[in-house]
């Protein structure tokens, strides 16, 4: 099995340190989106412009009522794009990171399958700063995805939001049994229903 690149982020004492580190990785690997899970909700983000500046769904100029990207509540996050994914998670008080770089894996002739996962969200509510706030049914669950101009994709209570996930396959040398040993996020989009 292939070894993945993992590293500690020892200098992440504040969210600005973490954001700076993420923006550097976004520039290096052409990452486009961020999906974070925090104690108080789901946070979407997008890396924008030549400097790959991170804008998140809970920023004051986007949807300030949503969960903020804060070190104190952050559990894990994934920054991803067509070529790579960086995943961060906390162990005790130390942040760890894992890089999945397709260029490296495809050179090794890794095989993979793509899955289109359906995300919750049946109704668009508002659009601001290229994010669309969506809710799901009567439950009132909300999140804001970094996708503008998608209101026409929501029809008859359907869920058009999709997340492309790439699953890498490993084969047991003795039995030939295939298994998924690694998965990463690739893309976010709204499907035509």
N, C-alpha and C. Protein backbone atom coordinates (compact mmCIF):
# COMPACT_ATOMS: atom_id res chain seq x y z
N UNK A 1 0.85 -1.18 0.00
CA UNK A 1 0.00 0.00 0.00
C UNK A 1 0.89 1.24 0.00
N UNK A 2 0.44 2.28 -0.67
CA UNK A 2 1.21 3.51 -0.78
C UNK A 2 1.13 4.32 0.50
N UNK A 3 2.21 5.02 0.80
CA UNK A 3 2.23 5.88 1.97
C UNK A 3 1.75 7.26 1.55
N UNK A 4 0.92 7.87 2.38
CA UNK A 4 0.44 9.21 2.11
C UNK A 4 1.28 10.21 2.87
N UNK A 5 1.33 11.41 2.35
CA UNK A 5 2.09 12.46 3.00
C UNK A 5 1.26 13.05 4.13
N UNK A 6 1.75 12.97 5.36
CA UNK A 6 1.09 13.57 6.52
C UNK A 6 2.07 14.48 7.22
N UNK A 7 1.56 15.56 7.80
CA UNK A 7 2.43 16.46 8.52
C UNK A 7 1.67 17.09 9.68
N UNK A 8 2.43 17.54 10.67
CA UNK A 8 1.86 18.26 11.79
C UNK A 8 1.87 19.75 11.46
N UNK A 9 0.86 20.45 11.92
CA UNK A 9 0.83 21.89 11.76
C UNK A 9 1.06 22.46 13.16
N UNK A 10 2.30 22.59 13.51
CA UNK A 10 2.62 22.94 14.89
C UNK A 10 2.41 24.42 15.20
N UNK A 11 2.45 25.27 14.18
CA UNK A 11 2.35 26.70 14.45
C UNK A 11 0.93 27.24 14.33
N UNK A 12 -0.07 26.38 14.26
CA UNK A 12 -1.45 26.84 14.15
C UNK A 12 -2.00 27.15 15.54
N UNK A 13 -1.64 28.30 16.05
CA UNK A 13 -2.11 28.73 17.36
C UNK A 13 -3.35 29.61 17.25
N UNK A 14 -3.64 30.08 16.04
CA UNK A 14 -4.82 30.92 15.82
C UNK A 14 -5.44 30.54 14.48
N UNK A 15 -6.66 30.99 14.27
CA UNK A 15 -7.32 30.68 13.01
C UNK A 15 -6.62 31.37 11.85
N UNK A 16 -6.02 32.53 12.08
CA UNK A 16 -5.30 33.20 10.98
C UNK A 16 -4.10 32.38 10.54
N UNK A 17 -3.41 31.71 11.47
CA UNK A 17 -2.32 30.81 11.11
C UNK A 17 -2.83 29.65 10.25
N UNK A 18 -3.96 29.11 10.65
CA UNK A 18 -4.53 27.98 9.92
C UNK A 18 -5.00 28.41 8.53
N UNK A 19 -5.65 29.56 8.44
CA UNK A 19 -6.12 30.08 7.15
C UNK A 19 -4.93 30.35 6.24
N UNK A 20 -3.88 30.95 6.78
CA UNK A 20 -2.68 31.24 5.99
C UNK A 20 -2.08 29.94 5.46
N UNK A 21 -2.02 28.91 6.30
CA UNK A 21 -1.49 27.61 5.89
C UNK A 21 -2.36 26.99 4.79
N UNK A 22 -3.69 27.07 4.95
CA UNK A 22 -4.62 26.53 3.95
C UNK A 22 -4.49 27.26 2.62
N UNK A 23 -4.37 28.59 2.67
CA UNK A 23 -4.24 29.37 1.44
C UNK A 23 -2.93 29.03 0.71
N UNK A 24 -1.88 28.77 1.47
CA UNK A 24 -0.61 28.35 0.87
C UNK A 24 -0.77 27.01 0.15
N UNK A 25 -1.46 26.06 0.80
CA UNK A 25 -1.70 24.75 0.18
C UNK A 25 -2.62 24.89 -1.04
N UNK A 26 -3.59 25.79 -0.96
CA UNK A 26 -4.50 26.01 -2.09
C UNK A 26 -3.73 26.52 -3.30
N UNK A 27 -2.80 27.44 -3.09
CA UNK A 27 -1.96 27.93 -4.19
C UNK A 27 -1.10 26.81 -4.75
N UNK A 28 -0.49 26.04 -3.87
CA UNK A 28 0.43 24.98 -4.28
C UNK A 28 -0.27 23.87 -5.07
N UNK A 29 -1.48 23.50 -4.66
CA UNK A 29 -2.16 22.34 -5.27
C UNK A 29 -3.43 22.73 -6.04
N UNK A 30 -3.64 24.02 -6.25
CA UNK A 30 -4.80 24.53 -6.99
C UNK A 30 -6.11 24.02 -6.39
N UNK A 31 -6.24 24.16 -5.08
CA UNK A 31 -7.45 23.76 -4.39
C UNK A 31 -8.53 24.82 -4.58
N UNK A 32 -9.77 24.40 -4.66
CA UNK A 32 -10.86 25.32 -4.97
C UNK A 32 -11.83 25.53 -3.81
N UNK A 33 -12.20 24.45 -3.11
CA UNK A 33 -13.23 24.51 -2.09
C UNK A 33 -12.72 24.03 -0.74
N UNK A 34 -13.48 24.40 0.30
CA UNK A 34 -13.22 23.94 1.66
C UNK A 34 -14.55 23.45 2.24
N UNK A 35 -14.53 22.31 2.88
CA UNK A 35 -15.67 21.79 3.62
C UNK A 35 -15.18 21.49 5.02
N UNK A 36 -15.76 22.20 6.00
CA UNK A 36 -15.33 22.04 7.39
C UNK A 36 -16.51 21.63 8.26
N UNK A 37 -16.20 20.83 9.26
CA UNK A 37 -17.19 20.45 10.25
C UNK A 37 -16.74 21.01 11.59
N UNK A 38 -17.64 21.74 12.22
CA UNK A 38 -17.34 22.37 13.50
C UNK A 38 -18.41 21.98 14.50
N UNK A 39 -18.17 22.28 15.76
CA UNK A 39 -19.14 21.96 16.81
C UNK A 39 -20.49 22.60 16.54
N UNK A 40 -20.47 23.77 15.89
CA UNK A 40 -21.71 24.52 15.68
C UNK A 40 -22.24 24.48 14.25
N UNK A 41 -21.70 23.62 13.39
CA UNK A 41 -22.28 23.50 12.06
C UNK A 41 -21.29 23.18 10.96
N UNK A 42 -21.83 23.15 9.74
CA UNK A 42 -21.04 22.90 8.54
C UNK A 42 -20.61 24.24 7.96
N UNK A 43 -19.35 24.31 7.54
CA UNK A 43 -18.81 25.54 6.97
C UNK A 43 -18.26 25.22 5.59
N UNK A 44 -18.76 25.95 4.59
CA UNK A 44 -18.22 25.84 3.24
C UNK A 44 -17.30 27.02 2.98
N UNK A 45 -16.32 26.81 2.13
CA UNK A 45 -15.43 27.89 1.76
C UNK A 45 -14.98 27.76 0.32
N UNK A 46 -14.43 28.85 -0.18
CA UNK A 46 -13.89 28.86 -1.54
C UNK A 46 -12.62 29.69 -1.54
N UNK A 47 -11.60 29.19 -2.25
CA UNK A 47 -10.34 29.91 -2.41
C UNK A 47 -10.47 30.76 -3.67
N UNK A 48 -10.26 32.09 -3.52
CA UNK A 48 -10.55 33.01 -4.62
C UNK A 48 -9.34 33.85 -5.00
N UNK A 49 -9.30 34.17 -6.29
CA UNK A 49 -8.30 35.10 -6.81
C UNK A 49 -6.92 34.50 -6.94
N UNK A 50 -5.98 35.34 -7.37
CA UNK A 50 -4.59 34.90 -7.57
C UNK A 50 -3.93 34.48 -6.27
N UNK A 51 -4.36 35.06 -5.15
CA UNK A 51 -3.77 34.73 -3.85
C UNK A 51 -4.49 33.59 -3.15
N UNK A 52 -5.53 33.04 -3.79
CA UNK A 52 -6.30 31.95 -3.22
C UNK A 52 -6.80 32.32 -1.82
N UNK A 53 -7.40 33.49 -1.71
CA UNK A 53 -7.93 33.95 -0.43
C UNK A 53 -9.15 33.13 -0.05
N UNK A 54 -9.19 32.65 1.19
CA UNK A 54 -10.29 31.82 1.66
C UNK A 54 -11.46 32.70 2.10
N UNK A 55 -12.62 32.46 1.50
CA UNK A 55 -13.88 33.10 1.89
C UNK A 55 -14.77 31.97 2.38
N UNK A 56 -15.37 32.13 3.57
CA UNK A 56 -16.21 31.06 4.12
C UNK A 56 -17.66 31.52 4.24
N UNK A 57 -18.55 30.54 4.32
CA UNK A 57 -19.99 30.79 4.35
C UNK A 57 -20.43 31.61 5.55
N UNK A 58 -19.72 31.56 6.66
CA UNK A 58 -20.10 32.30 7.86
C UNK A 58 -19.39 33.64 8.01
N UNK A 59 -18.63 34.05 7.00
CA UNK A 59 -17.96 35.36 7.07
C UNK A 59 -19.00 36.47 7.19
N UNK A 60 -18.60 37.58 7.79
CA UNK A 60 -19.52 38.70 8.02
C UNK A 60 -20.13 39.24 6.73
N UNK A 61 -19.41 39.19 5.62
CA UNK A 61 -19.93 39.72 4.36
C UNK A 61 -20.63 38.64 3.52
N UNK A 62 -20.80 37.45 4.08
CA UNK A 62 -21.52 36.38 3.37
C UNK A 62 -22.80 36.11 4.16
N UNK A 63 -22.83 35.09 5.01
CA UNK A 63 -23.99 34.80 5.85
C UNK A 63 -23.54 34.73 7.31
N UNK A 64 -23.48 35.88 7.98
CA UNK A 64 -22.92 35.94 9.34
C UNK A 64 -23.69 35.12 10.38
N UNK A 65 -24.92 34.70 10.07
CA UNK A 65 -25.71 33.89 11.01
C UNK A 65 -25.25 32.43 11.03
N UNK A 66 -24.43 32.04 10.06
CA UNK A 66 -23.96 30.65 9.98
C UNK A 66 -22.69 30.46 10.81
N UNK A 67 -22.31 29.21 11.01
CA UNK A 67 -21.13 28.86 11.81
C UNK A 67 -19.88 29.55 11.27
N UNK A 68 -19.07 30.03 12.18
CA UNK A 68 -17.82 30.71 11.84
C UNK A 68 -16.68 29.70 11.77
N UNK A 69 -15.69 30.02 10.95
CA UNK A 69 -14.48 29.20 10.84
C UNK A 69 -13.55 29.62 11.97
N UNK A 70 -13.65 28.89 13.12
CA UNK A 70 -12.89 29.22 14.33
C UNK A 70 -12.10 28.00 14.79
N UNK A 71 -10.92 28.25 15.28
CA UNK A 71 -10.07 27.19 15.78
C UNK A 71 -10.70 26.48 16.98
N UNK A 72 -11.39 27.23 17.82
CA UNK A 72 -11.95 26.67 19.05
C UNK A 72 -13.08 25.67 18.80
N UNK A 73 -13.79 25.76 17.67
CA UNK A 73 -14.91 24.86 17.42
C UNK A 73 -14.65 23.89 16.26
N UNK A 74 -13.59 24.12 15.51
CA UNK A 74 -13.29 23.31 14.34
C UNK A 74 -12.93 21.88 14.72
N UNK A 75 -13.56 20.90 14.06
CA UNK A 75 -13.25 19.49 14.28
C UNK A 75 -12.33 18.96 13.19
N UNK A 76 -12.71 19.22 11.93
CA UNK A 76 -11.90 18.79 10.80
C UNK A 76 -12.30 19.60 9.58
N UNK A 77 -11.42 19.63 8.60
CA UNK A 77 -11.79 20.27 7.33
C UNK A 77 -11.01 19.66 6.19
N UNK A 78 -11.58 19.82 5.01
CA UNK A 78 -10.96 19.32 3.78
C UNK A 78 -10.95 20.46 2.77
N UNK A 79 -9.78 20.73 2.23
CA UNK A 79 -9.63 21.67 1.13
C UNK A 79 -9.37 20.81 -0.10
N UNK A 80 -10.11 21.05 -1.18
CA UNK A 80 -10.02 20.12 -2.31
C UNK A 80 -10.21 20.81 -3.65
N UNK A 81 -9.78 20.10 -4.68
CA UNK A 81 -9.92 20.55 -6.05
C UNK A 81 -9.71 19.36 -6.97
N UNK A 82 -9.56 19.64 -8.26
CA UNK A 82 -9.43 18.57 -9.25
C UNK A 82 -8.19 17.70 -9.05
N UNK A 83 -7.11 18.30 -8.53
CA UNK A 83 -5.83 17.59 -8.48
C UNK A 83 -5.45 17.02 -7.12
N UNK A 84 -6.04 17.56 -6.04
CA UNK A 84 -5.58 17.15 -4.71
C UNK A 84 -6.60 17.48 -3.64
N UNK A 85 -6.36 16.92 -2.45
CA UNK A 85 -7.14 17.24 -1.26
C UNK A 85 -6.18 17.31 -0.07
N UNK A 86 -6.40 18.31 0.78
CA UNK A 86 -5.69 18.41 2.05
C UNK A 86 -6.75 18.26 3.14
N UNK A 87 -6.57 17.29 4.01
CA UNK A 87 -7.50 17.09 5.11
C UNK A 87 -6.80 17.43 6.42
N UNK A 88 -7.49 18.18 7.27
CA UNK A 88 -6.96 18.56 8.58
C UNK A 88 -7.86 18.00 9.67
N UNK A 89 -7.26 17.54 10.74
CA UNK A 89 -8.02 17.10 11.90
C UNK A 89 -7.18 17.35 13.13
N UNK A 90 -7.86 17.41 14.27
CA UNK A 90 -7.18 17.74 15.52
C UNK A 90 -7.03 16.49 16.38
N UNK A 91 -5.83 16.29 16.91
CA UNK A 91 -5.56 15.24 17.87
C UNK A 91 -5.07 15.95 19.12
N UNK A 92 -5.86 15.85 20.19
CA UNK A 92 -5.63 16.65 21.39
C UNK A 92 -5.63 18.12 21.00
N UNK A 93 -4.49 18.80 21.08
CA UNK A 93 -4.44 20.22 20.71
C UNK A 93 -3.54 20.45 19.51
N UNK A 94 -3.16 19.37 18.84
CA UNK A 94 -2.27 19.48 17.69
C UNK A 94 -3.05 19.18 16.42
N UNK A 95 -2.84 20.00 15.40
CA UNK A 95 -3.46 19.77 14.10
C UNK A 95 -2.58 18.87 13.26
N UNK A 96 -3.20 17.93 12.58
CA UNK A 96 -2.50 17.06 11.64
C UNK A 96 -3.10 17.28 10.26
N UNK A 97 -2.30 16.99 9.25
CA UNK A 97 -2.77 17.18 7.88
C UNK A 97 -2.35 16.00 7.03
N UNK A 98 -3.20 15.69 6.05
CA UNK A 98 -2.91 14.62 5.10
C UNK A 98 -3.13 15.18 3.71
N UNK A 99 -2.20 14.89 2.82
CA UNK A 99 -2.32 15.32 1.43
C UNK A 99 -2.57 14.10 0.55
N UNK A 100 -3.59 14.19 -0.30
CA UNK A 100 -3.81 13.20 -1.34
C UNK A 100 -3.60 13.94 -2.65
N UNK A 101 -2.54 13.57 -3.35
CA UNK A 101 -2.15 14.25 -4.58
C UNK A 101 -2.36 13.28 -5.74
N UNK A 102 -3.31 13.58 -6.61
CA UNK A 102 -3.63 12.68 -7.71
C UNK A 102 -2.45 12.48 -8.65
N UNK A 103 -1.68 13.52 -8.86
CA UNK A 103 -0.52 13.39 -9.77
C UNK A 103 0.38 12.25 -9.30
N UNK A 104 0.63 12.18 -8.01
CA UNK A 104 1.46 11.13 -7.44
C UNK A 104 0.78 9.76 -7.56
N UNK A 105 -0.50 9.70 -7.17
CA UNK A 105 -1.21 8.42 -7.18
C UNK A 105 -1.41 7.88 -8.59
N UNK A 106 -1.69 8.76 -9.54
CA UNK A 106 -1.92 8.29 -10.91
C UNK A 106 -0.63 7.83 -11.57
N UNK A 107 0.51 8.38 -11.16
CA UNK A 107 1.80 7.89 -11.65
C UNK A 107 2.02 6.45 -11.21
N UNK A 108 1.48 6.12 -10.05
CA UNK A 108 1.59 4.76 -9.54
C UNK A 108 0.54 3.83 -10.15
N UNK A 109 -0.22 4.37 -11.10
CA UNK A 109 -1.27 3.62 -11.80
C UNK A 109 -2.38 3.16 -10.85
N UNK A 110 -2.69 4.00 -9.88
CA UNK A 110 -3.80 3.71 -8.98
C UNK A 110 -5.11 3.74 -9.76
N UNK A 111 -6.00 2.83 -9.46
CA UNK A 111 -7.32 2.85 -10.07
C UNK A 111 -8.30 3.45 -9.07
N UNK A 112 -9.33 4.07 -9.62
CA UNK A 112 -10.31 4.71 -8.75
C UNK A 112 -11.68 4.70 -9.42
N UNK A 113 -12.68 4.94 -8.59
CA UNK A 113 -14.04 5.13 -9.08
C UNK A 113 -14.55 6.45 -8.51
N UNK A 114 -15.44 7.10 -9.24
CA UNK A 114 -16.01 8.36 -8.77
C UNK A 114 -17.46 8.13 -8.34
N UNK A 115 -17.81 8.79 -7.26
CA UNK A 115 -19.17 8.71 -6.73
C UNK A 115 -19.72 10.13 -6.65
N UNK A 116 -20.97 10.28 -7.01
CA UNK A 116 -21.64 11.58 -6.90
C UNK A 116 -22.55 11.50 -5.68
N UNK A 117 -22.15 12.14 -4.59
CA UNK A 117 -22.94 12.12 -3.37
C UNK A 117 -23.94 13.27 -3.39
N UNK A 118 -25.16 12.97 -2.99
CA UNK A 118 -26.22 13.98 -2.92
C UNK A 118 -26.10 14.70 -1.58
N UNK A 119 -26.10 16.03 -1.64
CA UNK A 119 -26.04 16.85 -0.43
C UNK A 119 -27.44 17.34 -0.08
N UNK A 120 -27.69 17.60 1.20
CA UNK A 120 -29.00 18.09 1.57
C UNK A 120 -29.16 19.53 1.14
N UNK A 121 -30.42 19.88 0.92
CA UNK A 121 -30.78 21.20 0.44
C UNK A 121 -31.83 21.08 -0.63
N UNK A 122 -33.09 21.44 -0.29
CA UNK A 122 -34.18 21.35 -1.26
C UNK A 122 -34.68 22.71 -1.72
N UNK A 123 -34.30 23.77 -1.00
CA UNK A 123 -34.82 25.10 -1.33
C UNK A 123 -33.72 26.15 -1.23
N UNK A 124 -33.51 26.92 -2.31
CA UNK A 124 -32.58 28.04 -2.21
C UNK A 124 -33.28 29.20 -1.49
N UNK A 125 -32.58 29.84 -0.57
CA UNK A 125 -33.21 30.93 0.19
C UNK A 125 -32.64 32.29 -0.17
N UNK A 126 -31.34 32.37 -0.36
CA UNK A 126 -30.71 33.66 -0.65
C UNK A 126 -29.37 33.41 -1.31
N UNK A 127 -28.87 34.44 -1.98
CA UNK A 127 -27.55 34.38 -2.59
C UNK A 127 -26.79 35.64 -2.19
N UNK A 128 -25.53 35.44 -1.78
CA UNK A 128 -24.72 36.57 -1.37
C UNK A 128 -23.25 36.24 -1.56
N UNK A 129 -22.53 37.14 -2.20
CA UNK A 129 -21.09 37.00 -2.40
C UNK A 129 -20.72 35.64 -3.00
N UNK A 130 -21.49 35.20 -3.99
CA UNK A 130 -21.27 33.94 -4.71
C UNK A 130 -21.48 32.69 -3.86
N UNK A 131 -22.23 32.81 -2.78
CA UNK A 131 -22.67 31.67 -1.98
C UNK A 131 -24.19 31.61 -2.07
N UNK A 132 -24.75 30.41 -2.08
CA UNK A 132 -26.21 30.24 -2.06
C UNK A 132 -26.59 29.54 -0.77
N UNK A 133 -27.47 30.20 0.00
CA UNK A 133 -27.99 29.63 1.24
C UNK A 133 -29.14 28.71 0.88
N UNK A 134 -29.06 27.46 1.33
CA UNK A 134 -30.11 26.48 1.04
C UNK A 134 -30.61 25.87 2.34
N UNK A 135 -31.88 25.47 2.32
CA UNK A 135 -32.45 24.77 3.47
C UNK A 135 -33.02 23.45 2.97
N UNK A 136 -33.36 22.59 3.90
CA UNK A 136 -33.85 21.27 3.54
C UNK A 136 -35.17 20.99 4.23
N UNK A 137 -36.23 20.92 3.43
CA UNK A 137 -37.54 20.54 3.94
C UNK A 137 -38.01 21.35 5.12
N UNK A 138 -38.81 20.75 5.95
CA UNK A 138 -39.37 21.45 7.11
C UNK A 138 -38.44 21.43 8.30
N UNK A 139 -37.32 20.73 8.19
CA UNK A 139 -36.39 20.63 9.31
C UNK A 139 -35.66 21.94 9.60
N UNK A 140 -35.56 22.80 8.59
CA UNK A 140 -34.90 24.08 8.79
C UNK A 140 -33.39 24.01 8.78
N UNK A 141 -32.81 22.87 8.40
CA UNK A 141 -31.36 22.75 8.32
C UNK A 141 -30.86 23.64 7.18
N UNK A 142 -29.79 24.42 7.45
CA UNK A 142 -29.28 25.34 6.44
C UNK A 142 -27.78 25.24 6.32
N UNK A 143 -27.31 25.46 5.10
CA UNK A 143 -25.89 25.65 4.84
C UNK A 143 -25.77 26.48 3.58
N UNK A 144 -24.64 27.12 3.40
CA UNK A 144 -24.44 27.98 2.24
C UNK A 144 -23.27 27.44 1.43
N UNK A 145 -23.57 27.04 0.20
CA UNK A 145 -22.55 26.46 -0.68
C UNK A 145 -21.95 27.55 -1.57
N UNK A 146 -20.66 27.44 -1.88
CA UNK A 146 -20.02 28.45 -2.73
C UNK A 146 -20.32 28.25 -4.21
N UNK A 147 -21.61 28.30 -4.53
CA UNK A 147 -22.09 28.15 -5.90
C UNK A 147 -23.12 29.25 -6.16
N UNK A 148 -22.85 30.18 -7.08
CA UNK A 148 -23.83 31.21 -7.41
C UNK A 148 -24.77 30.75 -8.53
N UNK A 149 -25.85 31.45 -8.68
CA UNK A 149 -26.78 31.25 -9.81
C UNK A 149 -27.25 29.81 -9.97
N UNK A 150 -27.70 29.21 -8.88
CA UNK A 150 -28.17 27.81 -8.96
C UNK A 150 -29.64 27.67 -8.60
N UNK A 151 -30.34 28.79 -8.38
CA UNK A 151 -31.74 28.71 -7.95
C UNK A 151 -32.62 27.90 -8.90
N UNK A 152 -32.34 27.98 -10.20
CA UNK A 152 -33.15 27.25 -11.18
C UNK A 152 -32.92 25.75 -11.15
N UNK A 153 -31.95 25.28 -10.41
CA UNK A 153 -31.65 23.83 -10.32
C UNK A 153 -32.55 23.12 -9.31
N UNK A 154 -33.20 23.89 -8.43
CA UNK A 154 -34.04 23.31 -7.38
C UNK A 154 -35.47 23.21 -7.89
N UNK A 155 -35.97 21.97 -8.03
CA UNK A 155 -37.31 21.74 -8.54
C UNK A 155 -38.02 20.66 -7.74
N UNK A 156 -39.24 20.95 -7.34
CA UNK A 156 -40.13 19.96 -6.72
C UNK A 156 -39.50 19.23 -5.53
N UNK A 157 -38.80 19.94 -4.68
CA UNK A 157 -38.23 19.34 -3.48
C UNK A 157 -37.05 18.42 -3.72
N UNK A 158 -36.50 18.43 -4.92
CA UNK A 158 -35.33 17.59 -5.24
C UNK A 158 -34.07 18.22 -4.64
N UNK A 159 -33.04 17.42 -4.51
CA UNK A 159 -31.75 17.86 -3.97
C UNK A 159 -30.71 17.86 -5.11
N UNK A 160 -30.43 19.01 -5.71
CA UNK A 160 -29.51 19.06 -6.85
C UNK A 160 -28.03 19.16 -6.49
N UNK A 161 -27.71 19.48 -5.23
CA UNK A 161 -26.31 19.67 -4.86
C UNK A 161 -25.58 18.33 -4.81
N UNK A 162 -24.40 18.33 -5.41
CA UNK A 162 -23.60 17.10 -5.51
C UNK A 162 -22.17 17.37 -5.09
N UNK A 163 -21.57 16.34 -4.53
CA UNK A 163 -20.17 16.34 -4.15
C UNK A 163 -19.53 15.15 -4.85
N UNK A 164 -18.54 15.40 -5.69
CA UNK A 164 -17.83 14.29 -6.35
C UNK A 164 -16.76 13.77 -5.41
N UNK A 165 -16.80 12.46 -5.16
CA UNK A 165 -15.84 11.81 -4.28
C UNK A 165 -15.11 10.75 -5.10
N UNK A 166 -13.79 10.75 -5.00
CA UNK A 166 -12.97 9.76 -5.70
C UNK A 166 -12.52 8.71 -4.69
N UNK A 167 -12.82 7.44 -4.99
CA UNK A 167 -12.44 6.33 -4.13
C UNK A 167 -11.31 5.55 -4.82
N UNK A 168 -10.19 5.40 -4.15
CA UNK A 168 -9.04 4.67 -4.70
C UNK A 168 -9.13 3.22 -4.29
N UNK A 169 -8.81 2.34 -5.23
CA UNK A 169 -8.98 0.90 -5.04
C UNK A 169 -7.64 0.23 -4.86
N UNK A 170 -7.59 -0.69 -3.90
CA UNK A 170 -6.40 -1.50 -3.66
C UNK A 170 -6.80 -2.97 -3.82
N UNK A 171 -5.91 -3.76 -4.36
CA UNK A 171 -6.18 -5.18 -4.59
C UNK A 171 -5.27 -6.02 -3.70
N UNK A 172 -5.85 -6.98 -3.00
CA UNK A 172 -5.07 -7.89 -2.19
C UNK A 172 -4.25 -8.78 -3.12
N UNK A 173 -2.93 -8.85 -2.91
CA UNK A 173 -2.04 -9.60 -3.80
C UNK A 173 -2.31 -11.10 -3.77
N UNK A 174 -2.75 -11.61 -2.64
CA UNK A 174 -2.98 -13.05 -2.53
C UNK A 174 -4.37 -13.47 -3.04
N UNK A 175 -5.40 -12.70 -2.69
CA UNK A 175 -6.76 -13.12 -3.03
C UNK A 175 -7.33 -12.40 -4.24
N UNK A 176 -6.77 -11.23 -4.58
CA UNK A 176 -7.30 -10.44 -5.68
C UNK A 176 -8.52 -9.62 -5.31
N UNK A 177 -8.91 -9.68 -4.04
CA UNK A 177 -10.08 -8.94 -3.58
C UNK A 177 -9.78 -7.44 -3.64
N UNK A 178 -10.73 -6.70 -4.19
CA UNK A 178 -10.59 -5.25 -4.30
C UNK A 178 -11.28 -4.58 -3.12
N UNK A 179 -10.67 -3.49 -2.65
CA UNK A 179 -11.29 -2.71 -1.58
C UNK A 179 -10.94 -1.24 -1.77
N UNK A 180 -11.82 -0.39 -1.28
CA UNK A 180 -11.53 1.05 -1.28
C UNK A 180 -10.66 1.32 -0.07
N UNK A 181 -9.47 1.86 -0.29
CA UNK A 181 -8.57 2.11 0.82
C UNK A 181 -8.39 3.60 1.10
N UNK A 182 -8.92 4.44 0.22
CA UNK A 182 -8.70 5.87 0.36
C UNK A 182 -9.76 6.61 -0.43
N UNK A 183 -10.28 7.69 0.13
CA UNK A 183 -11.27 8.51 -0.58
C UNK A 183 -10.95 9.97 -0.39
N UNK A 184 -11.30 10.76 -1.40
CA UNK A 184 -11.09 12.20 -1.30
C UNK A 184 -12.17 12.97 -2.03
N UNK A 185 -12.39 14.22 -1.61
CA UNK A 185 -13.34 15.10 -2.27
C UNK A 185 -12.67 15.70 -3.50
N UNK A 186 -13.44 15.88 -4.58
CA UNK A 186 -12.91 16.38 -5.84
C UNK A 186 -13.61 17.66 -6.28
N UNK A 187 -14.97 17.67 -6.24
CA UNK A 187 -15.69 18.81 -6.79
C UNK A 187 -17.05 18.97 -6.11
N UNK A 188 -17.60 20.17 -6.23
CA UNK A 188 -18.92 20.54 -5.72
C UNK A 188 -19.66 21.17 -6.88
N UNK A 189 -20.92 20.77 -7.09
CA UNK A 189 -21.69 21.36 -8.18
C UNK A 189 -23.18 21.14 -7.94
N UNK A 190 -24.00 21.83 -8.74
CA UNK A 190 -25.45 21.65 -8.72
C UNK A 190 -25.83 20.95 -10.01
N UNK A 191 -26.48 19.81 -9.88
CA UNK A 191 -26.84 18.98 -11.02
C UNK A 191 -28.15 19.47 -11.63
N UNK A 192 -28.30 19.26 -12.94
CA UNK A 192 -29.57 19.55 -13.60
C UNK A 192 -30.48 18.36 -13.36
N UNK A 193 -31.64 18.61 -12.82
CA UNK A 193 -32.57 17.51 -12.51
C UNK A 193 -33.59 17.35 -13.60
